[in-house]
Amino acid sequence: MRISKGWLAAIIIVVIVLADQILKIWVKTNFYYGEEYVITDWFRLNFIENNGMAFGFEFGSKTVLTCFRIVVSALFVYYIAKLSKKSQVNLGYFTCVCLCTAGAIGNMIDCVFYGVVFNDPMIPQVATMFPPEGGYAPLLNGRVVDMFYFPLAEWNWPEWLPFIGGEHFVFFQPVFNIADASLSVGVIILIFFFSKHLPLGEKEHTVEESINKNAQKQ
C-alpha cells in the first residue's frame, strides 16, 4: 500500500511535533532552570530557555517574533498542501520541507502558549502546568525550551593568539531542541542536495528553458 504525500506529511509533522513537545514538557516540569544531566562527557541535557530564533539567537520584539513564527508555519503548511498535489515532486525534497515545517511549528507552540501554561518558579523549584496563579507571560510571549547540549571538544587557546589567547573554548556550544534539529536538518539537506527543486531554482530553470526554446526557434 502506497502512502499519499498528504499522509506522509501529516505523519512526519505530527510525530516530530509530539516528540518535541513531550520532551519539552518533561524537561520543563522535571528540571529547574539551568539544571544539567550528564549522559556522557559529550552529550548532556541542559535546561535553558530563549526568546529568539533557533539555537538561542534573539532579535526584535517577542510578540512580533511570535507572529512571524505563526506566519512562517502557516506558509510552510500551505506550501506542503500545494506540493502534495503534484505527482512529480521529489520525495526527498518533500520530506525536507516537512521537517522544516515540523520544526517551525514545534517552536511556535512554545512561543504562543508556554507563557500562559507554565509558571516561572525560583531555582531550584521546577515549573508546573496551569498554575492557579497563572503563567509567567501573556499569550504570544512564551519562551522556547532547549535541552540538547553536545560539548564535543574543548580546549584553551594559546596565549600568543590575539583577542582569544588564553580563553577556554567549547565546541559545540549551542543548546537546542528537537524542533531546532528538525528545521536545521531539513534546511541543510535542501541546500546541499535539493537546491534545484527550491522555488527559486525552479524559476531559474524555467527561464533557462525559455531562453533555449527561443534560441531554437531562431
N, C-alpha and C. Protein backbone atom coordinates (compact mmCIF):
# COMPACT_ATOMS: atom_id res chain seq x y z
N MET A 1 0.85 -1.19 0.00
CA MET A 1 0.00 0.00 0.00
C MET A 1 0.88 1.24 0.00
N ARG A 2 0.67 2.09 -0.99
CA ARG A 2 1.49 3.30 -1.10
C ARG A 2 0.82 4.46 -0.36
N ILE A 3 1.57 5.11 0.50
CA ILE A 3 1.04 6.22 1.28
C ILE A 3 1.08 7.49 0.45
N SER A 4 0.04 8.31 0.57
CA SER A 4 -0.02 9.56 -0.18
C SER A 4 0.92 10.59 0.45
N LYS A 5 1.27 11.61 -0.33
CA LYS A 5 2.14 12.66 0.19
C LYS A 5 1.48 13.41 1.34
N GLY A 6 0.16 13.57 1.27
CA GLY A 6 -0.54 14.25 2.35
C GLY A 6 -0.42 13.51 3.66
N TRP A 7 -0.62 12.19 3.63
CA TRP A 7 -0.48 11.39 4.84
C TRP A 7 0.96 11.35 5.32
N LEU A 8 1.91 11.27 4.38
CA LEU A 8 3.32 11.28 4.76
C LEU A 8 3.67 12.56 5.50
N ALA A 9 3.21 13.69 4.97
CA ALA A 9 3.47 14.98 5.62
C ALA A 9 2.86 15.02 7.01
N ALA A 10 1.61 14.54 7.12
CA ALA A 10 0.93 14.55 8.42
C ALA A 10 1.67 13.69 9.44
N ILE A 11 2.13 12.52 9.03
CA ILE A 11 2.84 11.62 9.94
C ILE A 11 4.15 12.24 10.41
N ILE A 12 4.93 12.77 9.46
CA ILE A 12 6.23 13.37 9.81
C ILE A 12 6.03 14.53 10.78
N ILE A 13 5.13 15.41 10.46
CA ILE A 13 4.93 16.62 11.26
C ILE A 13 4.38 16.27 12.64
N VAL A 14 3.37 15.41 12.70
CA VAL A 14 2.77 15.05 13.99
C VAL A 14 3.77 14.34 14.89
N VAL A 15 4.53 13.38 14.34
CA VAL A 15 5.50 12.63 15.15
C VAL A 15 6.56 13.56 15.71
N ILE A 16 7.11 14.44 14.87
CA ILE A 16 8.18 15.33 15.33
C ILE A 16 7.66 16.34 16.33
N VAL A 17 6.51 16.94 16.05
CA VAL A 17 5.95 17.94 16.98
C VAL A 17 5.59 17.30 18.32
N LEU A 18 4.99 16.11 18.29
CA LEU A 18 4.66 15.42 19.54
C LEU A 18 5.92 15.08 20.34
N ALA A 19 6.94 14.52 19.66
CA ALA A 19 8.18 14.19 20.36
C ALA A 19 8.81 15.45 20.94
N ASP A 20 8.80 16.52 20.18
CA ASP A 20 9.38 17.79 20.63
C ASP A 20 8.65 18.31 21.86
N GLN A 21 7.32 18.33 21.81
CA GLN A 21 6.54 18.88 22.91
C GLN A 21 6.57 17.99 24.15
N ILE A 22 6.54 16.68 23.97
CA ILE A 22 6.61 15.77 25.12
C ILE A 22 7.92 15.95 25.87
N LEU A 23 9.03 16.02 25.11
CA LEU A 23 10.34 16.20 25.75
C LEU A 23 10.44 17.56 26.43
N LYS A 24 9.93 18.60 25.78
CA LYS A 24 9.99 19.94 26.37
C LYS A 24 9.18 20.00 27.67
N ILE A 25 7.98 19.44 27.65
CA ILE A 25 7.16 19.46 28.86
C ILE A 25 7.79 18.65 29.98
N TRP A 26 8.39 17.51 29.62
CA TRP A 26 9.07 16.70 30.63
C TRP A 26 10.25 17.45 31.25
N VAL A 27 11.06 18.08 30.41
CA VAL A 27 12.20 18.85 30.92
C VAL A 27 11.72 20.02 31.76
N LYS A 28 10.72 20.73 31.25
CA LYS A 28 10.21 21.92 31.94
C LYS A 28 9.67 21.59 33.33
N THR A 29 9.04 20.42 33.47
CA THR A 29 8.41 20.05 34.75
C THR A 29 9.26 19.14 35.63
N ASN A 30 10.48 18.82 35.17
CA ASN A 30 11.35 17.97 35.97
C ASN A 30 12.74 18.57 36.22
N PHE A 31 13.10 19.60 35.50
CA PHE A 31 14.40 20.26 35.66
C PHE A 31 14.16 21.69 36.13
N TYR A 32 14.97 22.17 37.03
CA TYR A 32 14.94 23.61 37.31
C TYR A 32 15.83 24.30 36.29
N TYR A 33 15.59 25.60 36.12
CA TYR A 33 16.30 26.34 35.07
C TYR A 33 17.82 26.26 35.27
N GLY A 34 18.52 25.84 34.22
CA GLY A 34 19.98 25.71 34.29
C GLY A 34 20.47 24.36 34.76
N GLU A 35 19.55 23.47 35.19
CA GLU A 35 19.97 22.15 35.65
C GLU A 35 20.51 21.33 34.48
N GLU A 36 21.55 20.56 34.77
CA GLU A 36 22.20 19.75 33.73
C GLU A 36 22.26 18.30 34.15
N TYR A 37 21.94 17.41 33.21
CA TYR A 37 22.04 15.99 33.46
C TYR A 37 23.05 15.41 32.47
N VAL A 38 24.14 14.85 32.99
CA VAL A 38 25.22 14.36 32.15
C VAL A 38 24.93 12.92 31.75
N ILE A 39 24.78 12.69 30.45
CA ILE A 39 24.60 11.35 29.90
C ILE A 39 25.96 10.77 29.53
N THR A 40 26.75 11.54 28.79
CA THR A 40 28.16 11.23 28.53
C THR A 40 28.92 12.55 28.61
N ASP A 41 30.23 12.50 28.48
CA ASP A 41 31.02 13.73 28.50
C ASP A 41 30.65 14.67 27.36
N TRP A 42 30.16 14.10 26.25
CA TRP A 42 29.86 14.93 25.08
C TRP A 42 28.36 15.05 24.80
N PHE A 43 27.51 14.47 25.64
CA PHE A 43 26.07 14.56 25.45
C PHE A 43 25.40 14.80 26.80
N ARG A 44 24.73 15.95 26.92
CA ARG A 44 24.10 16.33 28.17
C ARG A 44 22.73 16.94 27.92
N LEU A 45 21.87 16.86 28.92
CA LEU A 45 20.61 17.60 28.91
C LEU A 45 20.81 18.82 29.79
N ASN A 46 20.61 19.98 29.22
CA ASN A 46 20.84 21.23 29.94
C ASN A 46 19.63 22.13 29.69
N PHE A 47 18.79 22.30 30.71
CA PHE A 47 17.56 23.05 30.55
C PHE A 47 17.80 24.55 30.54
N ILE A 48 17.54 25.15 29.38
CA ILE A 48 17.56 26.61 29.26
C ILE A 48 16.35 27.03 28.43
N GLU A 49 16.08 28.32 28.41
CA GLU A 49 15.01 28.86 27.58
C GLU A 49 15.53 30.07 26.83
N ASN A 50 14.91 30.35 25.68
CA ASN A 50 15.31 31.54 24.93
C ASN A 50 14.09 32.21 24.31
N ASN A 51 14.23 33.48 24.01
CA ASN A 51 13.15 34.26 23.44
C ASN A 51 13.20 34.35 21.92
N GLY A 52 14.30 33.84 21.35
CA GLY A 52 14.52 34.15 19.95
C GLY A 52 14.44 32.99 19.00
N MET A 53 15.32 33.04 18.02
CA MET A 53 15.31 32.08 16.93
C MET A 53 16.01 30.79 17.35
N ALA A 54 16.27 29.91 16.36
CA ALA A 54 16.90 28.62 16.64
C ALA A 54 18.25 28.80 17.31
N PHE A 55 18.58 27.90 18.24
CA PHE A 55 19.86 27.86 18.96
C PHE A 55 20.07 29.09 19.83
N GLY A 56 18.97 29.78 20.20
CA GLY A 56 19.09 30.86 21.17
C GLY A 56 19.35 32.24 20.63
N PHE A 57 19.44 32.41 19.31
CA PHE A 57 19.66 33.73 18.75
C PHE A 57 18.41 34.58 18.97
N GLU A 58 18.60 35.86 19.25
CA GLU A 58 17.49 36.73 19.57
C GLU A 58 17.54 38.02 18.77
N PHE A 59 16.35 38.54 18.42
CA PHE A 59 16.26 39.87 17.84
C PHE A 59 14.82 40.36 17.91
N GLY A 60 14.63 41.68 18.06
CA GLY A 60 13.34 42.30 17.96
C GLY A 60 12.36 41.99 19.08
N SER A 61 11.12 42.45 18.86
CA SER A 61 10.04 42.27 19.82
C SER A 61 9.61 40.81 19.89
N LYS A 62 9.31 40.35 21.09
CA LYS A 62 8.89 38.96 21.28
C LYS A 62 7.55 38.69 20.61
N THR A 63 6.60 39.60 20.75
CA THR A 63 5.29 39.42 20.14
C THR A 63 5.39 39.40 18.62
N VAL A 64 6.18 40.31 18.07
CA VAL A 64 6.37 40.35 16.62
C VAL A 64 7.03 39.08 16.13
N LEU A 65 8.02 38.60 16.88
CA LEU A 65 8.72 37.37 16.50
C LEU A 65 7.77 36.18 16.52
N THR A 66 6.89 36.10 17.53
CA THR A 66 5.93 35.01 17.59
C THR A 66 4.95 35.07 16.43
N CYS A 67 4.48 36.26 16.10
CA CYS A 67 3.58 36.41 14.95
C CYS A 67 4.29 35.99 13.66
N PHE A 68 5.58 36.32 13.57
CA PHE A 68 6.37 35.91 12.41
C PHE A 68 6.44 34.38 12.34
N ARG A 69 6.62 33.74 13.49
CA ARG A 69 6.66 32.27 13.54
C ARG A 69 5.33 31.68 13.05
N ILE A 70 4.22 32.28 13.48
CA ILE A 70 2.91 31.78 13.07
C ILE A 70 2.74 31.88 11.56
N VAL A 71 3.13 33.02 11.01
CA VAL A 71 3.02 33.23 9.56
C VAL A 71 3.89 32.23 8.80
N VAL A 72 5.14 32.05 9.26
CA VAL A 72 6.04 31.11 8.60
C VAL A 72 5.49 29.69 8.65
N SER A 73 4.97 29.29 9.81
CA SER A 73 4.40 27.95 9.96
C SER A 73 3.22 27.76 9.01
N ALA A 74 2.36 28.78 8.91
CA ALA A 74 1.21 28.70 8.02
C ALA A 74 1.63 28.61 6.56
N LEU A 75 2.67 29.37 6.19
CA LEU A 75 3.17 29.32 4.82
C LEU A 75 3.76 27.96 4.49
N PHE A 76 4.46 27.37 5.45
CA PHE A 76 5.00 26.02 5.25
C PHE A 76 3.87 25.01 5.00
N VAL A 77 2.82 25.09 5.82
CA VAL A 77 1.69 24.17 5.67
C VAL A 77 1.02 24.37 4.30
N TYR A 78 0.85 25.61 3.90
CA TYR A 78 0.26 25.92 2.59
C TYR A 78 1.12 25.36 1.46
N TYR A 79 2.43 25.52 1.59
CA TYR A 79 3.35 25.02 0.57
C TYR A 79 3.31 23.49 0.48
N ILE A 80 3.24 22.84 1.63
CA ILE A 80 3.13 21.38 1.65
C ILE A 80 1.83 20.92 0.98
N ALA A 81 0.74 21.64 1.25
CA ALA A 81 -0.55 21.29 0.64
C ALA A 81 -0.45 21.38 -0.89
N LYS A 82 0.27 22.38 -1.39
CA LYS A 82 0.44 22.52 -2.83
C LYS A 82 1.33 21.41 -3.37
N LEU A 83 2.42 21.10 -2.67
CA LEU A 83 3.34 20.07 -3.14
C LEU A 83 2.69 18.69 -3.15
N SER A 84 1.84 18.44 -2.18
CA SER A 84 1.22 17.10 -2.06
C SER A 84 0.32 16.78 -3.25
N LYS A 85 -0.12 17.80 -3.99
CA LYS A 85 -0.99 17.59 -5.15
C LYS A 85 -0.20 17.37 -6.44
N LYS A 86 1.14 17.52 -6.35
CA LYS A 86 1.97 17.37 -7.54
C LYS A 86 2.65 16.01 -7.52
N SER A 87 2.35 15.19 -8.49
CA SER A 87 2.89 13.83 -8.52
C SER A 87 4.38 13.80 -8.82
N GLN A 88 4.89 14.85 -9.50
CA GLN A 88 6.28 14.82 -9.92
C GLN A 88 7.25 15.36 -8.86
N VAL A 89 6.76 15.76 -7.71
CA VAL A 89 7.62 16.33 -6.67
C VAL A 89 8.54 15.25 -6.11
N ASN A 90 9.83 15.57 -6.00
CA ASN A 90 10.81 14.64 -5.45
C ASN A 90 10.47 14.33 -3.99
N LEU A 91 10.46 13.04 -3.64
CA LEU A 91 10.07 12.63 -2.29
C LEU A 91 11.05 13.12 -1.24
N GLY A 92 12.34 13.13 -1.55
CA GLY A 92 13.33 13.64 -0.61
C GLY A 92 13.14 15.11 -0.32
N TYR A 93 12.89 15.88 -1.39
CA TYR A 93 12.62 17.31 -1.23
C TYR A 93 11.38 17.54 -0.38
N PHE A 94 10.33 16.78 -0.66
CA PHE A 94 9.07 16.90 0.08
C PHE A 94 9.28 16.59 1.55
N THR A 95 10.06 15.56 1.86
CA THR A 95 10.33 15.19 3.24
C THR A 95 11.09 16.29 3.97
N CYS A 96 12.05 16.90 3.30
CA CYS A 96 12.81 18.00 3.91
C CYS A 96 11.91 19.19 4.24
N VAL A 97 10.98 19.51 3.34
CA VAL A 97 10.03 20.59 3.61
C VAL A 97 9.17 20.25 4.82
N CYS A 98 8.80 18.98 4.94
CA CYS A 98 8.02 18.54 6.11
C CYS A 98 8.83 18.69 7.40
N LEU A 99 10.13 18.37 7.35
CA LEU A 99 10.99 18.54 8.52
C LEU A 99 11.07 20.01 8.93
N CYS A 100 11.22 20.89 7.96
CA CYS A 100 11.26 22.32 8.25
C CYS A 100 9.95 22.80 8.85
N THR A 101 8.85 22.30 8.32
CA THR A 101 7.53 22.68 8.82
C THR A 101 7.34 22.22 10.27
N ALA A 102 7.72 20.98 10.55
CA ALA A 102 7.60 20.46 11.92
C ALA A 102 8.43 21.28 12.89
N GLY A 103 9.65 21.65 12.49
CA GLY A 103 10.50 22.46 13.35
C GLY A 103 9.90 23.82 13.63
N ALA A 104 9.36 24.45 12.60
CA ALA A 104 8.75 25.77 12.77
C ALA A 104 7.55 25.70 13.70
N ILE A 105 6.71 24.67 13.52
CA ILE A 105 5.51 24.54 14.36
C ILE A 105 5.89 24.22 15.80
N GLY A 106 6.89 23.35 15.98
CA GLY A 106 7.29 22.97 17.34
C GLY A 106 7.69 24.16 18.20
N ASN A 107 8.53 25.04 17.68
CA ASN A 107 8.96 26.21 18.45
C ASN A 107 7.88 27.28 18.52
N MET A 108 7.03 27.34 17.49
CA MET A 108 5.93 28.29 17.51
C MET A 108 4.97 28.01 18.67
N ILE A 109 4.72 26.73 18.94
CA ILE A 109 3.83 26.35 20.05
C ILE A 109 4.37 26.89 21.38
N ASP A 110 5.67 26.76 21.61
CA ASP A 110 6.28 27.29 22.84
C ASP A 110 5.99 28.78 22.97
N CYS A 111 6.26 29.51 21.91
CA CYS A 111 6.14 30.97 21.95
C CYS A 111 4.70 31.42 22.17
N VAL A 112 3.76 30.71 21.58
CA VAL A 112 2.36 31.11 21.68
C VAL A 112 1.78 30.77 23.06
N PHE A 113 2.06 29.56 23.56
CA PHE A 113 1.31 29.05 24.72
C PHE A 113 2.09 28.90 26.03
N TYR A 114 3.40 28.70 25.97
CA TYR A 114 4.13 28.32 27.20
C TYR A 114 4.07 29.39 28.28
N GLY A 115 4.01 30.65 27.91
CA GLY A 115 3.93 31.71 28.91
C GLY A 115 2.65 31.63 29.73
N VAL A 116 1.57 31.14 29.11
CA VAL A 116 0.28 31.01 29.78
C VAL A 116 0.18 29.69 30.55
N VAL A 117 0.79 28.64 30.00
CA VAL A 117 0.64 27.29 30.54
C VAL A 117 1.51 27.04 31.76
N PHE A 118 2.72 27.62 31.80
CA PHE A 118 3.68 27.33 32.87
C PHE A 118 3.93 28.55 33.75
N ASN A 119 4.31 28.28 35.01
CA ASN A 119 4.80 29.36 35.87
C ASN A 119 6.32 29.42 35.79
N ASP A 120 6.91 30.33 36.52
CA ASP A 120 8.36 30.54 36.45
C ASP A 120 8.91 30.60 37.88
N PRO A 121 9.03 29.46 38.55
CA PRO A 121 9.40 29.46 39.97
C PRO A 121 10.88 29.78 40.19
N MET A 122 11.20 30.09 41.42
CA MET A 122 12.59 30.34 41.78
C MET A 122 13.37 29.02 41.78
N ILE A 123 14.63 29.09 41.38
CA ILE A 123 15.52 27.93 41.43
C ILE A 123 15.73 27.54 42.90
N PRO A 124 15.67 26.24 43.27
CA PRO A 124 15.67 25.03 42.44
C PRO A 124 14.30 24.40 42.24
N GLN A 125 13.22 25.17 42.37
CA GLN A 125 11.91 24.61 42.11
C GLN A 125 11.70 24.41 40.61
N VAL A 126 10.84 23.45 40.26
CA VAL A 126 10.55 23.22 38.85
C VAL A 126 9.17 23.78 38.52
N ALA A 127 8.95 24.05 37.24
CA ALA A 127 7.70 24.65 36.80
C ALA A 127 6.54 23.67 36.88
N THR A 128 5.34 24.20 37.01
CA THR A 128 4.12 23.39 36.99
C THR A 128 3.24 23.88 35.85
N MET A 129 2.42 22.97 35.33
CA MET A 129 1.49 23.32 34.26
C MET A 129 0.19 23.85 34.84
N PHE A 130 -0.34 24.88 34.20
CA PHE A 130 -1.60 25.50 34.58
C PHE A 130 -1.64 25.85 36.07
N PRO A 131 -0.67 26.64 36.54
CA PRO A 131 -0.65 27.01 37.96
C PRO A 131 -1.84 27.92 38.29
N PRO A 132 -2.37 27.82 39.51
CA PRO A 132 -3.55 28.63 39.87
C PRO A 132 -3.27 30.13 39.82
N GLU A 133 -2.01 30.53 40.01
CA GLU A 133 -1.68 31.95 39.97
C GLU A 133 -1.46 32.47 38.55
N GLY A 134 -1.54 31.57 37.59
CA GLY A 134 -1.36 31.99 36.20
C GLY A 134 0.06 31.76 35.71
N GLY A 135 0.27 31.92 34.42
CA GLY A 135 1.57 31.69 33.81
C GLY A 135 2.52 32.85 34.00
N TYR A 136 3.73 32.71 33.43
CA TYR A 136 4.77 33.71 33.61
C TYR A 136 4.73 34.84 32.57
N ALA A 137 3.90 34.69 31.53
CA ALA A 137 3.85 35.71 30.48
C ALA A 137 2.52 35.62 29.75
N PRO A 138 2.10 36.68 29.09
CA PRO A 138 0.84 36.63 28.33
C PRO A 138 0.98 35.79 27.06
N LEU A 139 -0.14 35.53 26.42
CA LEU A 139 -0.16 34.79 25.16
C LEU A 139 0.78 35.44 24.15
N LEU A 140 1.46 34.62 23.37
CA LEU A 140 2.42 35.05 22.34
C LEU A 140 3.77 35.47 22.91
N ASN A 141 3.96 35.32 24.22
CA ASN A 141 5.22 35.75 24.82
C ASN A 141 5.92 34.64 25.59
N GLY A 142 5.67 33.41 25.22
CA GLY A 142 6.34 32.29 25.86
C GLY A 142 7.78 32.14 25.40
N ARG A 143 8.55 31.41 26.18
CA ARG A 143 9.96 31.17 25.85
C ARG A 143 10.13 29.74 25.32
N VAL A 144 11.06 29.59 24.39
CA VAL A 144 11.32 28.28 23.79
C VAL A 144 12.21 27.46 24.71
N VAL A 145 11.83 26.22 24.96
CA VAL A 145 12.58 25.32 25.83
C VAL A 145 13.65 24.58 25.02
N ASP A 146 14.89 24.64 25.48
CA ASP A 146 16.01 23.92 24.85
C ASP A 146 16.64 22.99 25.88
N MET A 147 17.25 21.90 25.38
CA MET A 147 17.84 20.95 26.33
C MET A 147 19.05 20.17 25.81
N PHE A 148 19.20 19.98 24.51
CA PHE A 148 20.30 19.16 24.00
C PHE A 148 21.60 19.97 23.97
N TYR A 149 22.62 19.44 24.61
CA TYR A 149 23.92 20.12 24.68
C TYR A 149 25.01 19.10 24.35
N PHE A 150 25.78 19.40 23.32
CA PHE A 150 26.83 18.48 22.85
C PHE A 150 28.20 19.16 22.88
N PRO A 151 28.85 19.22 24.06
CA PRO A 151 30.21 19.76 24.13
C PRO A 151 31.21 18.73 23.60
N LEU A 152 31.33 18.65 22.29
CA LEU A 152 32.11 17.58 21.66
C LEU A 152 33.60 17.67 21.97
N ALA A 153 34.09 18.89 22.12
CA ALA A 153 35.52 19.07 22.43
C ALA A 153 35.71 20.43 23.08
N GLU A 154 36.77 20.56 23.88
CA GLU A 154 37.09 21.85 24.48
C GLU A 154 38.58 21.97 24.71
N TRP A 155 39.06 23.21 24.65
CA TRP A 155 40.48 23.46 24.82
C TRP A 155 40.70 24.93 25.19
N ASN A 156 41.92 25.24 25.62
CA ASN A 156 42.33 26.61 25.88
C ASN A 156 43.16 27.11 24.71
N TRP A 157 42.82 28.27 24.21
CA TRP A 157 43.58 28.85 23.11
C TRP A 157 44.97 29.27 23.61
N PRO A 158 46.02 29.13 22.77
CA PRO A 158 47.37 29.56 23.17
C PRO A 158 47.40 31.04 23.53
N GLU A 159 48.22 31.37 24.49
CA GLU A 159 48.29 32.75 24.97
C GLU A 159 48.70 33.74 23.89
N TRP A 160 49.49 33.28 22.91
CA TRP A 160 50.02 34.21 21.91
C TRP A 160 48.99 34.62 20.85
N LEU A 161 47.83 33.96 20.83
CA LEU A 161 46.81 34.33 19.85
C LEU A 161 46.17 35.66 20.23
N PRO A 162 46.03 36.58 19.27
CA PRO A 162 45.38 37.87 19.57
C PRO A 162 43.90 37.69 19.85
N PHE A 163 43.36 38.50 20.75
CA PHE A 163 41.94 38.58 21.11
C PHE A 163 41.43 37.36 21.89
N ILE A 164 41.78 36.14 21.48
CA ILE A 164 41.22 34.95 22.12
C ILE A 164 42.26 34.16 22.92
N GLY A 165 43.51 34.66 22.99
CA GLY A 165 44.56 33.94 23.67
C GLY A 165 44.24 33.67 25.13
N GLY A 166 44.38 32.40 25.56
CA GLY A 166 44.15 32.02 26.94
C GLY A 166 42.71 31.71 27.28
N GLU A 167 41.78 31.99 26.34
CA GLU A 167 40.37 31.74 26.62
C GLU A 167 40.03 30.26 26.44
N HIS A 168 39.04 29.84 27.20
CA HIS A 168 38.58 28.46 27.11
C HIS A 168 37.50 28.37 26.03
N PHE A 169 37.61 27.38 25.15
CA PHE A 169 36.67 27.25 24.03
C PHE A 169 36.00 25.88 24.08
N VAL A 170 34.68 25.88 23.85
CA VAL A 170 33.91 24.64 23.82
C VAL A 170 33.26 24.50 22.45
N PHE A 171 33.43 23.35 21.85
CA PHE A 171 32.78 23.04 20.58
C PHE A 171 31.93 21.78 20.78
N PHE A 172 30.69 21.82 20.68
CA PHE A 172 29.72 22.69 20.07
C PHE A 172 28.89 23.29 21.21
N GLN A 173 28.75 24.62 21.29
CA GLN A 173 28.16 25.25 22.46
C GLN A 173 26.64 25.44 22.43
N PRO A 174 26.02 25.64 21.27
CA PRO A 174 24.57 25.90 21.29
C PRO A 174 23.76 24.78 21.95
N VAL A 175 22.74 25.18 22.70
CA VAL A 175 21.79 24.24 23.28
C VAL A 175 20.52 24.33 22.43
N PHE A 176 19.97 23.18 22.03
CA PHE A 176 18.85 23.19 21.08
C PHE A 176 17.84 22.11 21.45
N ASN A 177 16.78 22.02 20.66
CA ASN A 177 15.72 21.05 20.91
C ASN A 177 15.41 20.26 19.64
N ILE A 178 14.42 19.37 19.70
CA ILE A 178 14.09 18.53 18.54
C ILE A 178 13.60 19.39 17.38
N ALA A 179 12.83 20.43 17.66
CA ALA A 179 12.33 21.30 16.60
C ALA A 179 13.49 21.99 15.88
N ASP A 180 14.46 22.52 16.64
CA ASP A 180 15.64 23.13 16.04
C ASP A 180 16.37 22.14 15.14
N ALA A 181 16.54 20.91 15.63
CA ALA A 181 17.25 19.89 14.87
C ALA A 181 16.51 19.55 13.59
N SER A 182 15.20 19.40 13.68
CA SER A 182 14.39 19.08 12.51
C SER A 182 14.48 20.17 11.46
N LEU A 183 14.36 21.42 11.90
CA LEU A 183 14.44 22.55 10.98
C LEU A 183 15.83 22.64 10.35
N SER A 184 16.87 22.50 11.16
CA SER A 184 18.24 22.62 10.66
C SER A 184 18.59 21.51 9.68
N VAL A 185 18.21 20.27 10.02
CA VAL A 185 18.49 19.13 9.13
C VAL A 185 17.76 19.32 7.80
N GLY A 186 16.49 19.74 7.87
CA GLY A 186 15.74 19.97 6.65
C GLY A 186 16.37 21.02 5.76
N VAL A 187 16.78 22.14 6.35
CA VAL A 187 17.39 23.23 5.58
C VAL A 187 18.72 22.80 4.97
N ILE A 188 19.57 22.15 5.77
CA ILE A 188 20.89 21.74 5.29
C ILE A 188 20.78 20.76 4.12
N ILE A 189 19.90 19.76 4.24
CA ILE A 189 19.73 18.79 3.16
C ILE A 189 19.16 19.46 1.92
N LEU A 190 18.22 20.39 2.11
CA LEU A 190 17.66 21.12 0.97
C LEU A 190 18.74 21.88 0.21
N ILE A 191 19.60 22.56 0.95
CA ILE A 191 20.63 23.38 0.32
C ILE A 191 21.64 22.52 -0.44
N PHE A 192 22.07 21.43 0.17
CA PHE A 192 23.15 20.64 -0.42
C PHE A 192 22.68 19.62 -1.46
N PHE A 193 21.43 19.15 -1.35
CA PHE A 193 21.00 18.07 -2.24
C PHE A 193 19.79 18.41 -3.11
N PHE A 194 19.01 19.41 -2.71
CA PHE A 194 17.79 19.67 -3.46
C PHE A 194 17.63 21.14 -3.83
N SER A 195 18.73 21.87 -3.98
CA SER A 195 18.64 23.30 -4.29
C SER A 195 17.92 23.55 -5.61
N LYS A 196 18.06 22.63 -6.57
CA LYS A 196 17.41 22.82 -7.87
C LYS A 196 15.89 22.67 -7.78
N HIS A 197 15.40 22.05 -6.69
CA HIS A 197 13.96 21.89 -6.50
C HIS A 197 13.33 23.06 -5.77
N LEU A 198 14.15 23.96 -5.21
CA LEU A 198 13.60 25.10 -4.49
C LEU A 198 12.88 26.02 -5.46
N PRO A 199 11.88 26.77 -4.99
CA PRO A 199 11.13 27.64 -5.89
C PRO A 199 12.01 28.55 -6.73
N LEU A 200 13.07 29.12 -6.14
CA LEU A 200 13.97 30.00 -6.90
C LEU A 200 14.67 29.21 -7.98
N GLY A 201 15.13 27.99 -7.61
CA GLY A 201 15.80 27.15 -8.58
C GLY A 201 14.88 26.76 -9.72
N GLU A 202 13.58 26.49 -9.39
CA GLU A 202 12.62 26.14 -10.42
C GLU A 202 12.38 27.31 -11.36
N LYS A 203 12.35 28.52 -10.81
CA LYS A 203 12.13 29.70 -11.62
C LYS A 203 13.29 29.91 -12.57
N GLU A 204 14.52 29.78 -12.04
CA GLU A 204 15.68 29.95 -12.89
C GLU A 204 15.71 28.89 -13.98
N HIS A 205 15.29 27.66 -13.64
CA HIS A 205 15.28 26.57 -14.61
C HIS A 205 14.28 26.86 -15.72
N THR A 206 13.11 27.41 -15.35
CA THR A 206 12.09 27.74 -16.34
C THR A 206 12.58 28.83 -17.27
N VAL A 207 13.24 29.83 -16.72
CA VAL A 207 13.78 30.91 -17.54
C VAL A 207 14.81 30.38 -18.52
N GLU A 208 15.67 29.49 -18.03
CA GLU A 208 16.69 28.91 -18.88
C GLU A 208 16.07 28.11 -20.03
N GLU A 209 15.00 27.33 -19.70
CA GLU A 209 14.33 26.56 -20.74
C GLU A 209 13.69 27.47 -21.78
N SER A 210 13.13 28.59 -21.35
CA SER A 210 12.51 29.53 -22.27
C SER A 210 13.54 30.14 -23.22
N ILE A 211 14.71 30.46 -22.67
CA ILE A 211 15.77 31.02 -23.50
C ILE A 211 16.22 30.01 -24.54
N ASN A 212 16.36 28.77 -24.10
CA ASN A 212 16.80 27.72 -25.03
C ASN A 212 15.76 27.50 -26.14
N LYS A 213 14.47 27.52 -25.77
CA LYS A 213 13.42 27.33 -26.76
C LYS A 213 13.40 28.47 -27.77
N ASN A 214 13.58 29.70 -27.28
CA ASN A 214 13.60 30.86 -28.17
C ASN A 214 14.80 30.79 -29.12
N ALA A 215 15.93 30.33 -28.57
CA ALA A 215 17.14 30.20 -29.41
C ALA A 215 16.93 29.16 -30.49
N GLN A 216 16.22 28.05 -30.16
CA GLN A 216 15.96 27.01 -31.16
C GLN A 216 15.02 27.50 -32.25
N LYS A 217 14.04 28.31 -31.86
CA LYS A 217 13.10 28.84 -32.86
C LYS A 217 13.81 29.77 -33.85
N GLN A 218 14.80 30.52 -33.35
CA GLN A 218 15.55 31.43 -34.21
C GLN A 218 16.48 30.65 -35.16
